[in-house]
Amino acid sequence: MPRISRYYALLFLLPILTGIHKPQAQSWKLVWNDEFNYNGLPDSTKWNYDVGGDGWGNNELECYTSNRIENAVVENGNLVIQLVKERWQNSNYTSARLVTKGKGDWQYGRIEVRARLPKGLGTWPAIWMLGSTTPMKWPDDGEIDIMEHVGFDPGFIHGSIHCKKYNHIIHTQKTAILQVPDCMNDFHVYALEWNADSLSIWVDQKKYFSFTNEHTGYDAWPFNQRMHLLLNIAYGGNWGGAHGLDDSILPQKMLVDYVRVYQWK
């Protein structure tokens, strides 16, 4: 093969071999977004709250609140989700879990969240999606974890899916890990690309997780329905608290620069 041909062939193959990928803007249409270019509480036309402190199935310690600037506020161009040590109802900690259900539910596309993560033992921030069925049955109706980070393992990002066939309760979950050493100090883009046949999870331009539709039914692929986005910081719990807690690091914040949802033109 002539040298010039080998050069262009390498340029073509490099993204495939390395997993590096830059989405082609002309292929996508922006259908939903929040740029957080305002101040005050999160936009109520786009965000709801999950509220309560019952452990959320994981023995978490925080109580999620709603419409409290102490736990969720937009300022300086960012959504700030804050985990605070304070007595609230039956919990010693408060946080926020923002959800788009009923105000942003999508079937397929590209979901992007640019965020800077909290740090410290016990923290467990997440950017994730759940099926928008009502009532939602877990894990049958599907969960996609675009980003999870646990404070006892700093700088390692986890991406996963859960469904009836594949989930952590029965130790069959599909998951992957990517090292992002500065994720607690700098912003990164956490993204999901999702269609009827497969889904993939990215940090910036690096794909680190993919899952393919087996075409064996809903137990293995509930991801053909509308899903919604969740943003939160949990504290403690079965995973987040597996190596203990460090209250001295509180409060902790997750900053979100923007959320953008694209679908194919």
C-alpha atoms as a PDB file:
ATOM      1  CA  MET A   1       0.000   0.000   0.000  1.00  0.00           C
ATOM      2  CA  PRO A   2       1.442   3.443  -0.890  1.00  0.00           C
ATOM      3  CA  ARG A   3       2.552   5.556   2.100  1.00  0.00           C
ATOM      4  CA  ILE A   4      -0.145   8.197   1.590  1.00  0.00           C
ATOM      5  CA  SER A   5      -2.830   5.496   1.588  1.00  0.00           C
ATOM      6  CA  ARG A   6      -1.509   3.966   4.800  1.00  0.00           C
ATOM      7  CA  TYR A   7      -1.578   7.411   6.432  1.00  0.00           C
ATOM      8  CA  TYR A   8      -5.214   8.043   5.589  1.00  0.00           C
ATOM      9  CA  ALA A   9      -6.156   4.501   6.520  1.00  0.00           C
ATOM     10  CA  LEU A  10      -4.609   5.085   9.968  1.00  0.00           C
ATOM     11  CA  LEU A  11      -6.574   8.314  10.373  1.00  0.00           C
ATOM     12  CA  PHE A  12      -9.737   6.386   9.607  1.00  0.00           C
ATOM     13  CA  LEU A  13      -8.963   3.465  11.910  1.00  0.00           C
ATOM     14  CA  LEU A  14      -7.547   5.397  14.874  1.00  0.00           C
ATOM     15  CA  PRO A  15     -10.926   6.368  16.390  1.00  0.00           C
ATOM     16  CA  ILE A  16     -12.097   2.774  16.090  1.00  0.00           C
ATOM     17  CA  LEU A  17      -8.938   1.292  17.609  1.00  0.00           C
ATOM     18  CA  THR A  18      -8.720   3.768  20.512  1.00  0.00           C
ATOM     19  CA  GLY A  19     -12.387   4.374  21.220  1.00  0.00           C
ATOM     20  CA  ILE A  20     -11.855   8.109  20.718  1.00  0.00           C
ATOM     21  CA  HIS A  21     -14.874   9.690  19.126  1.00  0.00           C
ATOM     22  CA  LYS A  22     -16.135  13.177  18.475  1.00  0.00           C
ATOM     23  CA  PRO A  23     -19.884  13.346  17.797  1.00  0.00           C
ATOM     24  CA  GLN A  24     -20.698  14.867  14.439  1.00  0.00           C
ATOM     25  CA  ALA A  25     -22.851  17.898  15.179  1.00  0.00           C
ATOM     26  CA  GLN A  26     -24.601  17.742  11.814  1.00  0.00           C
ATOM     27  CA  SER A  27     -25.984  14.300  12.704  1.00  0.00           C
ATOM     28  CA  TRP A  28     -27.834  15.478  15.805  1.00  0.00           C
ATOM     29  CA  LYS A  29     -30.663  17.836  16.625  1.00  0.00           C
ATOM     30  CA  LEU A  30     -30.842  19.442  20.067  1.00  0.00           C
ATOM     31  CA  VAL A  31     -34.258  18.561  21.526  1.00  0.00           C
ATOM     32  CA  TRP A  32     -33.914  19.444  25.235  1.00  0.00           C
ATOM     33  CA  ASN A  33     -31.353  21.336  27.289  1.00  0.00           C
ATOM     34  CA  ASP A  34     -30.643  23.366  30.385  1.00  0.00           C
ATOM     35  CA  GLU A  35     -27.613  25.650  30.175  1.00  0.00           C
ATOM     36  CA  PHE A  36     -28.087  26.941  33.745  1.00  0.00           C
ATOM     37  CA  ASN A  37     -27.629  30.547  32.655  1.00  0.00           C
ATOM     38  CA  TYR A  38     -29.994  31.854  35.338  1.00  0.00           C
ATOM     39  CA  ASN A  39     -29.969  32.106  39.126  1.00  0.00           C
ATOM     40  CA  GLY A  40     -32.118  30.529  41.812  1.00  0.00           C
ATOM     41  CA  LEU A  41     -33.901  27.212  42.036  1.00  0.00           C
ATOM     42  CA  PRO A  42     -33.621  24.779  39.096  1.00  0.00           C
ATOM     43  CA  ASP A  43     -36.095  25.476  36.276  1.00  0.00           C
ATOM     44  CA  SER A  44     -39.380  23.898  37.392  1.00  0.00           C
ATOM     45  CA  THR A  45     -40.472  23.391  33.784  1.00  0.00           C
ATOM     46  CA  LYS A  46     -37.570  20.969  33.324  1.00  0.00           C
ATOM     47  CA  TRP A  47     -36.840  19.420  36.717  1.00  0.00           C
ATOM     48  CA  ASN A  48     -38.711  17.526  39.399  1.00  0.00           C
ATOM     49  CA  TYR A  49     -37.305  16.183  42.682  1.00  0.00           C
ATOM     50  CA  ASP A  50     -37.217  12.765  44.271  1.00  0.00           C
ATOM     51  CA  VAL A  51     -37.761  13.377  47.980  1.00  0.00           C
ATOM     52  CA  GLY A  52     -37.179  11.342  51.126  1.00  0.00           C
ATOM     53  CA  GLY A  53     -34.661   9.485  53.231  1.00  0.00           C
ATOM     54  CA  ASP A  54     -35.649   5.830  53.286  1.00  0.00           C
ATOM     55  CA  GLY A  55     -32.301   4.515  52.032  1.00  0.00           C
ATOM     56  CA  TRP A  56     -33.408   4.305  48.393  1.00  0.00           C
ATOM     57  CA  GLY A  57     -32.852   0.561  48.278  1.00  0.00           C
ATOM     58  CA  ASN A  58     -29.125   0.959  48.994  1.00  0.00           C
ATOM     59  CA  ASN A  59     -29.089   1.908  52.706  1.00  0.00           C
ATOM     60  CA  GLU A  60     -28.062   5.448  51.757  1.00  0.00           C
ATOM     61  CA  LEU A  61     -27.900   7.978  54.593  1.00  0.00           C
ATOM     62  CA  GLU A  62     -29.044  11.216  52.960  1.00  0.00           C
ATOM     63  CA  CYS A  63     -32.521  12.704  52.896  1.00  0.00           C
ATOM     64  CA  TYR A  64     -33.338  14.230  49.521  1.00  0.00           C
ATOM     65  CA  THR A  65     -35.157  17.571  49.707  1.00  0.00           C
ATOM     66  CA  SER A  66     -36.997  19.727  47.190  1.00  0.00           C
ATOM     67  CA  ASN A  67     -36.976  23.458  46.478  1.00  0.00           C
ATOM     68  CA  ARG A  68     -34.145  24.161  48.936  1.00  0.00           C
ATOM     69  CA  ILE A  69     -31.267  26.293  47.691  1.00  0.00           C
ATOM     70  CA  GLU A  70     -29.139  24.631  50.373  1.00  0.00           C
ATOM     71  CA  ASN A  71     -29.251  21.407  48.316  1.00  0.00           C
ATOM     72  CA  ALA A  72     -29.923  22.485  44.716  1.00  0.00           C
ATOM     73  CA  VAL A  73     -29.363  25.952  43.298  1.00  0.00           C
ATOM     74  CA  VAL A  74     -28.325  27.520  40.003  1.00  0.00           C
ATOM     75  CA  GLU A  75     -25.583  30.122  40.309  1.00  0.00           C
ATOM     76  CA  ASN A  76     -22.556  31.316  38.361  1.00  0.00           C
ATOM     77  CA  GLY A  77     -23.637  29.352  35.300  1.00  0.00           C
ATOM     78  CA  ASN A  78     -23.851  25.987  37.053  1.00  0.00           C
ATOM     79  CA  LEU A  79     -26.394  23.777  38.727  1.00  0.00           C
ATOM     80  CA  VAL A  80     -25.006  23.101  42.208  1.00  0.00           C
ATOM     81  CA  ILE A  81     -26.154  19.921  43.954  1.00  0.00           C
ATOM     82  CA  GLN A  82     -24.908  19.995  47.531  1.00  0.00           C
ATOM     83  CA  LEU A  83     -24.577  17.290  50.156  1.00  0.00           C
ATOM     84  CA  VAL A  84     -24.812  18.822  53.629  1.00  0.00           C
ATOM     85  CA  LYS A  85     -24.376  17.464  57.152  1.00  0.00           C
ATOM     86  CA  GLU A  86     -27.532  18.645  58.957  1.00  0.00           C
ATOM     87  CA  ARG A  87     -30.438  17.065  60.770  1.00  0.00           C
ATOM     88  CA  TRP A  88     -33.475  16.751  58.498  1.00  0.00           C
ATOM     89  CA  GLN A  89     -36.436  14.532  59.285  1.00  0.00           C
ATOM     90  CA  ASN A  90     -34.855  11.204  60.329  1.00  0.00           C
ATOM     91  CA  SER A  91     -31.497  11.789  58.639  1.00  0.00           C
ATOM     92  CA  ASN A  92     -28.257  13.535  59.552  1.00  0.00           C
ATOM     93  CA  TYR A  93     -27.555  14.544  55.945  1.00  0.00           C
ATOM     94  CA  THR A  94     -29.406  16.320  53.144  1.00  0.00           C
ATOM     95  CA  SER A  95     -28.879  16.305  49.406  1.00  0.00           C
ATOM     96  CA  ALA A  96     -30.873  16.636  46.179  1.00  0.00           C
ATOM     97  CA  ARG A  97     -31.952  14.221  43.468  1.00  0.00           C
ATOM     98  CA  LEU A  98     -33.184  16.047  40.388  1.00  0.00           C
ATOM     99  CA  VAL A  99     -35.212  14.142  37.799  1.00  0.00           C
ATOM    100  CA  THR A 100     -36.680  15.029  34.413  1.00  0.00           C
ATOM    101  CA  LYS A 101     -39.526  12.496  34.499  1.00  0.00           C
ATOM    102  CA  GLY A 102     -42.681  14.024  33.015  1.00  0.00           C
ATOM    103  CA  LYS A 103     -40.673  16.998  31.751  1.00  0.00           C
ATOM    104  CA  GLY A 104     -37.950  15.244  29.792  1.00  0.00           C
ATOM    105  CA  ASP A 105     -38.498  11.653  28.669  1.00  0.00           C
ATOM    106  CA  TRP A 106     -36.722  10.340  25.591  1.00  0.00           C
ATOM    107  CA  GLN A 107     -36.463   7.270  23.428  1.00  0.00           C
ATOM    108  CA  TYR A 108     -32.961   7.092  21.942  1.00  0.00           C
ATOM    109  CA  GLY A 109     -30.476   9.871  21.261  1.00  0.00           C
ATOM    110  CA  ARG A 110     -27.400  11.386  22.870  1.00  0.00           C
ATOM    111  CA  ILE A 111     -27.532  12.674  26.439  1.00  0.00           C
ATOM    112  CA  GLU A 112     -24.652  14.923  27.520  1.00  0.00           C
ATOM    113  CA  VAL A 113     -23.923  16.240  31.013  1.00  0.00           C
ATOM    114  CA  ARG A 114     -20.846  18.389  31.661  1.00  0.00           C
ATOM    115  CA  ALA A 115     -20.016  18.137  35.344  1.00  0.00           C
ATOM    116  CA  ARG A 116     -17.408  18.367  38.090  1.00  0.00           C
ATOM    117  CA  LEU A 117     -17.734  15.745  40.810  1.00  0.00           C
ATOM    118  CA  PRO A 118     -17.577  15.930  44.610  1.00  0.00           C
ATOM    119  CA  LYS A 119     -14.805  14.253  46.584  1.00  0.00           C
ATOM    120  CA  GLY A 120     -14.413  12.480  49.889  1.00  0.00           C
ATOM    121  CA  LEU A 121     -15.055   9.166  51.593  1.00  0.00           C
ATOM    122  CA  GLY A 122     -18.740   8.269  51.498  1.00  0.00           C
ATOM    123  CA  THR A 123     -19.752  10.442  48.532  1.00  0.00           C
ATOM    124  CA  TRP A 124     -21.593   8.745  45.683  1.00  0.00           C
ATOM    125  CA  PRO A 125     -22.585  11.118  42.850  1.00  0.00           C
ATOM    126  CA  ALA A 126     -24.458   9.783  39.837  1.00  0.00           C
ATOM    127  CA  ILE A 127     -25.690  10.796  36.390  1.00  0.00           C
ATOM    128  CA  TRP A 128     -28.137   8.130  35.305  1.00  0.00           C
ATOM    129  CA  MET A 129     -31.422   7.176  33.646  1.00  0.00           C
ATOM    130  CA  LEU A 130     -34.490   5.129  34.547  1.00  0.00           C
ATOM    131  CA  GLY A 131     -37.438   3.875  32.552  1.00  0.00           C
ATOM    132  CA  SER A 132     -40.324   6.350  32.556  1.00  0.00           C
ATOM    133  CA  THR A 133     -42.993   3.703  33.086  1.00  0.00           C
ATOM    134  CA  THR A 134     -45.479   4.424  35.879  1.00  0.00           C
ATOM    135  CA  PRO A 135     -45.088   2.725  38.215  1.00  0.00           C
ATOM    136  CA  MET A 136     -41.478   1.979  37.419  1.00  0.00           C
ATOM    137  CA  LYS A 137     -40.417  -1.564  38.328  1.00  0.00           C
ATOM    138  CA  TRP A 138     -36.713  -2.002  39.057  1.00  0.00           C
ATOM    139  CA  PRO A 139     -34.705  -3.521  37.528  1.00  0.00           C
ATOM    140  CA  ASP A 140     -37.200  -4.794  34.955  1.00  0.00           C
ATOM    141  CA  ASP A 141     -37.819  -1.381  33.344  1.00  0.00           C
ATOM    142  CA  GLY A 142     -34.141  -0.567  32.987  1.00  0.00           C
ATOM    143  CA  GLU A 143     -31.416   1.634  34.438  1.00  0.00           C
ATOM    144  CA  ILE A 144     -28.484   3.216  32.604  1.00  0.00           C
ATOM    145  CA  ASP A 145     -25.673   4.615  34.755  1.00  0.00           C
ATOM    146  CA  ILE A 146     -23.870   7.177  32.623  1.00  0.00           C
ATOM    147  CA  MET A 147     -21.554   8.107  35.495  1.00  0.00           C
ATOM    148  CA  GLU A 148     -21.091   6.849  39.028  1.00  0.00           C
ATOM    149  CA  HIS A 149     -18.166   7.707  41.286  1.00  0.00           C
ATOM    150  CA  VAL A 150     -17.499   6.542  44.833  1.00  0.00           C
ATOM    151  CA  GLY A 151     -15.288   8.589  47.107  1.00  0.00           C
ATOM    152  CA  PHE A 152     -13.281   5.619  48.384  1.00  0.00           C
ATOM    153  CA  ASP A 153     -12.062   4.950  44.827  1.00  0.00           C
ATOM    154  CA  PRO A 154     -11.243   8.466  43.605  1.00  0.00           C
ATOM    155  CA  GLY A 155     -10.713   9.126  39.935  1.00  0.00           C
ATOM    156  CA  PHE A 156     -12.468   6.024  38.614  1.00  0.00           C
ATOM    157  CA  ILE A 157     -15.725   6.471  36.687  1.00  0.00           C
ATOM    158  CA  HIS A 158     -18.218   3.610  36.431  1.00  0.00           C
ATOM    159  CA  GLY A 159     -20.753   3.042  33.643  1.00  0.00           C
ATOM    160  CA  SER A 160     -23.363   0.284  33.861  1.00  0.00           C
ATOM    161  CA  ILE A 161     -26.757  -1.012  32.804  1.00  0.00           C
ATOM    162  CA  HIS A 162     -29.307  -2.891  34.887  1.00  0.00           C
ATOM    163  CA  CYS A 163     -32.311  -4.882  33.714  1.00  0.00           C
ATOM    164  CA  LYS A 164     -34.080  -8.037  34.835  1.00  0.00           C
ATOM    165  CA  LYS A 165     -31.481 -10.318  33.230  1.00  0.00           C
ATOM    166  CA  TYR A 166     -28.443  -8.210  34.069  1.00  0.00           C
ATOM    167  CA  ASN A 167     -28.262  -6.464  37.454  1.00  0.00           C
ATOM    168  CA  HIS A 168     -26.056  -6.261  40.520  1.00  0.00           C
ATOM    169  CA  ILE A 169     -28.545  -8.035  42.806  1.00  0.00           C
ATOM    170  CA  ILE A 170     -27.947 -11.290  40.951  1.00  0.00           C
ATOM    171  CA  HIS A 171     -24.326 -10.348  40.123  1.00  0.00           C
ATOM    172  CA  THR A 172     -24.858 -10.219  36.376  1.00  0.00           C
ATOM    173  CA  GLN A 173     -24.670  -6.459  35.831  1.00  0.00           C
ATOM    174  CA  LYS A 174     -22.840  -5.161  32.781  1.00  0.00           C
ATOM    175  CA  THR A 175     -20.344  -2.505  33.764  1.00  0.00           C
ATOM    176  CA  ALA A 176     -17.022  -0.851  32.910  1.00  0.00           C
ATOM    177  CA  ILE A 177     -14.553   1.487  34.598  1.00  0.00           C
ATOM    178  CA  LEU A 178     -12.500   4.384  33.224  1.00  0.00           C
ATOM    179  CA  GLN A 179      -9.814   6.290  35.085  1.00  0.00           C
ATOM    180  CA  VAL A 180     -10.384  10.058  35.034  1.00  0.00           C
ATOM    181  CA  PRO A 181      -7.918  11.324  37.668  1.00  0.00           C
ATOM    182  CA  ASP A 182      -9.054  14.966  37.656  1.00  0.00           C
ATOM    183  CA  CYS A 183     -12.820  14.327  37.650  1.00  0.00           C
ATOM    184  CA  MET A 184     -13.148  15.967  41.085  1.00  0.00           C
ATOM    185  CA  ASN A 185     -11.216  19.095  40.067  1.00  0.00           C
ATOM    186  CA  ASP A 186     -12.216  19.674  36.452  1.00  0.00           C
ATOM    187  CA  PHE A 187     -15.310  19.416  34.291  1.00  0.00           C
ATOM    188  CA  HIS A 188     -15.815  16.497  31.924  1.00  0.00           C
ATOM    189  CA  VAL A 189     -18.600  15.577  29.512  1.00  0.00           C
ATOM    190  CA  TYR A 190     -20.403  12.371  30.501  1.00  0.00           C
ATOM    191  CA  ALA A 191     -22.545  11.085  27.661  1.00  0.00           C
ATOM    192  CA  LEU A 192     -24.818   8.278  26.528  1.00  0.00           C
ATOM    193  CA  GLU A 193     -25.461   7.368  22.888  1.00  0.00           C
ATOM    194  CA  TRP A 194     -28.448   5.090  22.532  1.00  0.00           C
ATOM    195  CA  ASN A 195     -30.479   3.513  19.745  1.00  0.00           C
ATOM    196  CA  ALA A 196     -32.697   0.483  19.216  1.00  0.00           C
ATOM    197  CA  ASP A 197     -29.781  -1.903  18.834  1.00  0.00           C
ATOM    198  CA  SER A 198     -27.090  -0.691  21.229  1.00  0.00           C
ATOM    199  CA  LEU A 199     -25.996   1.896  23.735  1.00  0.00           C
ATOM    200  CA  SER A 200     -22.577   3.295  24.597  1.00  0.00           C
ATOM    201  CA  ILE A 201     -21.245   5.488  27.398  1.00  0.00           C
ATOM    202  CA  TRP A 202     -18.525   8.108  26.988  1.00  0.00           C
ATOM    203  CA  VAL A 203     -16.322  10.463  28.962  1.00  0.00           C
ATOM    204  CA  ASP A 204     -15.376  13.385  26.745  1.00  0.00           C
ATOM    205  CA  GLN A 205     -14.363  11.687  23.483  1.00  0.00           C
ATOM    206  CA  LYS A 206     -13.580   8.276  24.993  1.00  0.00           C
ATOM    207  CA  LYS A 207     -16.076   5.413  24.791  1.00  0.00           C
ATOM    208  CA  TYR A 208     -15.598   3.074  27.733  1.00  0.00           C
ATOM    209  CA  PHE A 209     -18.779   1.010  27.862  1.00  0.00           C
ATOM    210  CA  SER A 210     -21.132  -0.540  25.313  1.00  0.00           C
ATOM    211  CA  PHE A 211     -24.080  -2.914  25.467  1.00  0.00           C
ATOM    212  CA  THR A 212     -25.890  -4.534  22.557  1.00  0.00           C
ATOM    213  CA  ASN A 213     -29.513  -5.580  22.173  1.00  0.00           C
ATOM    214  CA  GLU A 214     -29.589  -9.383  22.181  1.00  0.00           C
ATOM    215  CA  HIS A 215     -33.105  -9.363  20.674  1.00  0.00           C
ATOM    216  CA  THR A 216     -34.179 -11.932  23.261  1.00  0.00           C
ATOM    217  CA  GLY A 217     -36.916  -9.829  24.860  1.00  0.00           C
ATOM    218  CA  TYR A 218     -37.676  -7.251  27.506  1.00  0.00           C
ATOM    219  CA  ASP A 219     -35.735  -9.036  30.269  1.00  0.00           C
ATOM    220  CA  ALA A 220     -32.460  -8.279  28.490  1.00  0.00           C
ATOM    221  CA  TRP A 221     -33.388  -5.074  26.649  1.00  0.00           C
ATOM    222  CA  PRO A 222     -35.998  -2.788  28.255  1.00  0.00           C
ATOM    223  CA  PHE A 223     -34.220   0.134  26.602  1.00  0.00           C
ATOM    224  CA  ASN A 224     -36.717   0.520  23.762  1.00  0.00           C
ATOM    225  CA  GLN A 225     -38.960   2.801  25.804  1.00  0.00           C
ATOM    226  CA  ARG A 226     -38.788   6.373  27.025  1.00  0.00           C
ATOM    227  CA  MET A 227     -36.380   7.057  29.865  1.00  0.00           C
ATOM    228  CA  HIS A 228     -35.609  10.078  32.025  1.00  0.00           C
ATOM    229  CA  LEU A 229     -32.480  11.588  33.555  1.00  0.00           C
ATOM    230  CA  LEU A 230     -31.476  11.784  37.220  1.00  0.00           C
ATOM    231  CA  LEU A 231     -28.704  13.848  38.859  1.00  0.00           C
ATOM    232  CA  ASN A 232     -27.818  13.347  42.520  1.00  0.00           C
ATOM    233  CA  ILE A 233     -25.253  12.962  45.275  1.00  0.00           C
ATOM    234  CA  ALA A 234     -25.867  10.057  47.631  1.00  0.00           C
ATOM    235  CA  TYR A 235     -23.934   9.506  50.850  1.00  0.00           C
ATOM    236  CA  GLY A 236     -22.930   6.199  52.370  1.00  0.00           C
ATOM    237  CA  GLY A 237     -24.941   3.147  51.464  1.00  0.00           C
ATOM    238  CA  ASN A 238     -24.014  -0.355  50.377  1.00  0.00           C
ATOM    239  CA  TRP A 239     -21.484   0.888  47.839  1.00  0.00           C
ATOM    240  CA  GLY A 240     -20.776   4.525  48.657  1.00  0.00           C
ATOM    241  CA  GLY A 241     -20.197   3.723  52.321  1.00  0.00           C
ATOM    242  CA  ALA A 242     -18.426   0.389  51.844  1.00  0.00           C
ATOM    243  CA  HIS A 243     -15.170   1.820  53.215  1.00  0.00           C
ATOM    244  CA  GLY A 244     -16.646   4.201  55.758  1.00  0.00           C
ATOM    245  CA  LEU A 245     -17.516   7.888  55.872  1.00  0.00           C
ATOM    246  CA  ASP A 246     -15.666  11.127  56.429  1.00  0.00           C
ATOM    247  CA  ASP A 247     -18.020  13.844  57.638  1.00  0.00           C
ATOM    248  CA  SER A 248     -15.126  16.281  57.833  1.00  0.00           C
ATOM    249  CA  ILE A 249     -15.203  16.714  54.048  1.00  0.00           C
ATOM    250  CA  LEU A 250     -18.820  17.950  54.076  1.00  0.00           C
ATOM    251  CA  PRO A 251     -20.398  19.879  52.507  1.00  0.00           C
ATOM    252  CA  GLN A 252     -19.588  18.589  49.032  1.00  0.00           C
ATOM    253  CA  LYS A 253     -20.884  19.783  45.658  1.00  0.00           C
ATOM    254  CA  MET A 254     -21.458  18.435  42.184  1.00  0.00           C
ATOM    255  CA  LEU A 255     -21.380  21.238  39.635  1.00  0.00           C
ATOM    256  CA  VAL A 256     -23.256  20.764  36.362  1.00  0.00           C
ATOM    257  CA  ASP A 257     -22.417  23.175  33.557  1.00  0.00           C
ATOM    258  CA  TYR A 258     -25.106  21.962  31.164  1.00  0.00           C
ATOM    259  CA  VAL A 259     -27.426  19.126  30.210  1.00  0.00           C
ATOM    260  CA  ARG A 260     -28.098  18.606  26.485  1.00  0.00           C
ATOM    261  CA  VAL A 261     -30.205  15.968  24.788  1.00  0.00           C
ATOM    262  CA  TYR A 262     -29.874  15.310  21.062  1.00  0.00           C
ATOM    263  CA  GLN A 263     -31.745  13.045  18.709  1.00  0.00           C
ATOM    264  CA  TRP A 264     -30.918  12.062  15.159  1.00  0.00           C
ATOM    265  CA  LYS A 265     -32.070  14.456  12.496  1.00  0.00           C
END
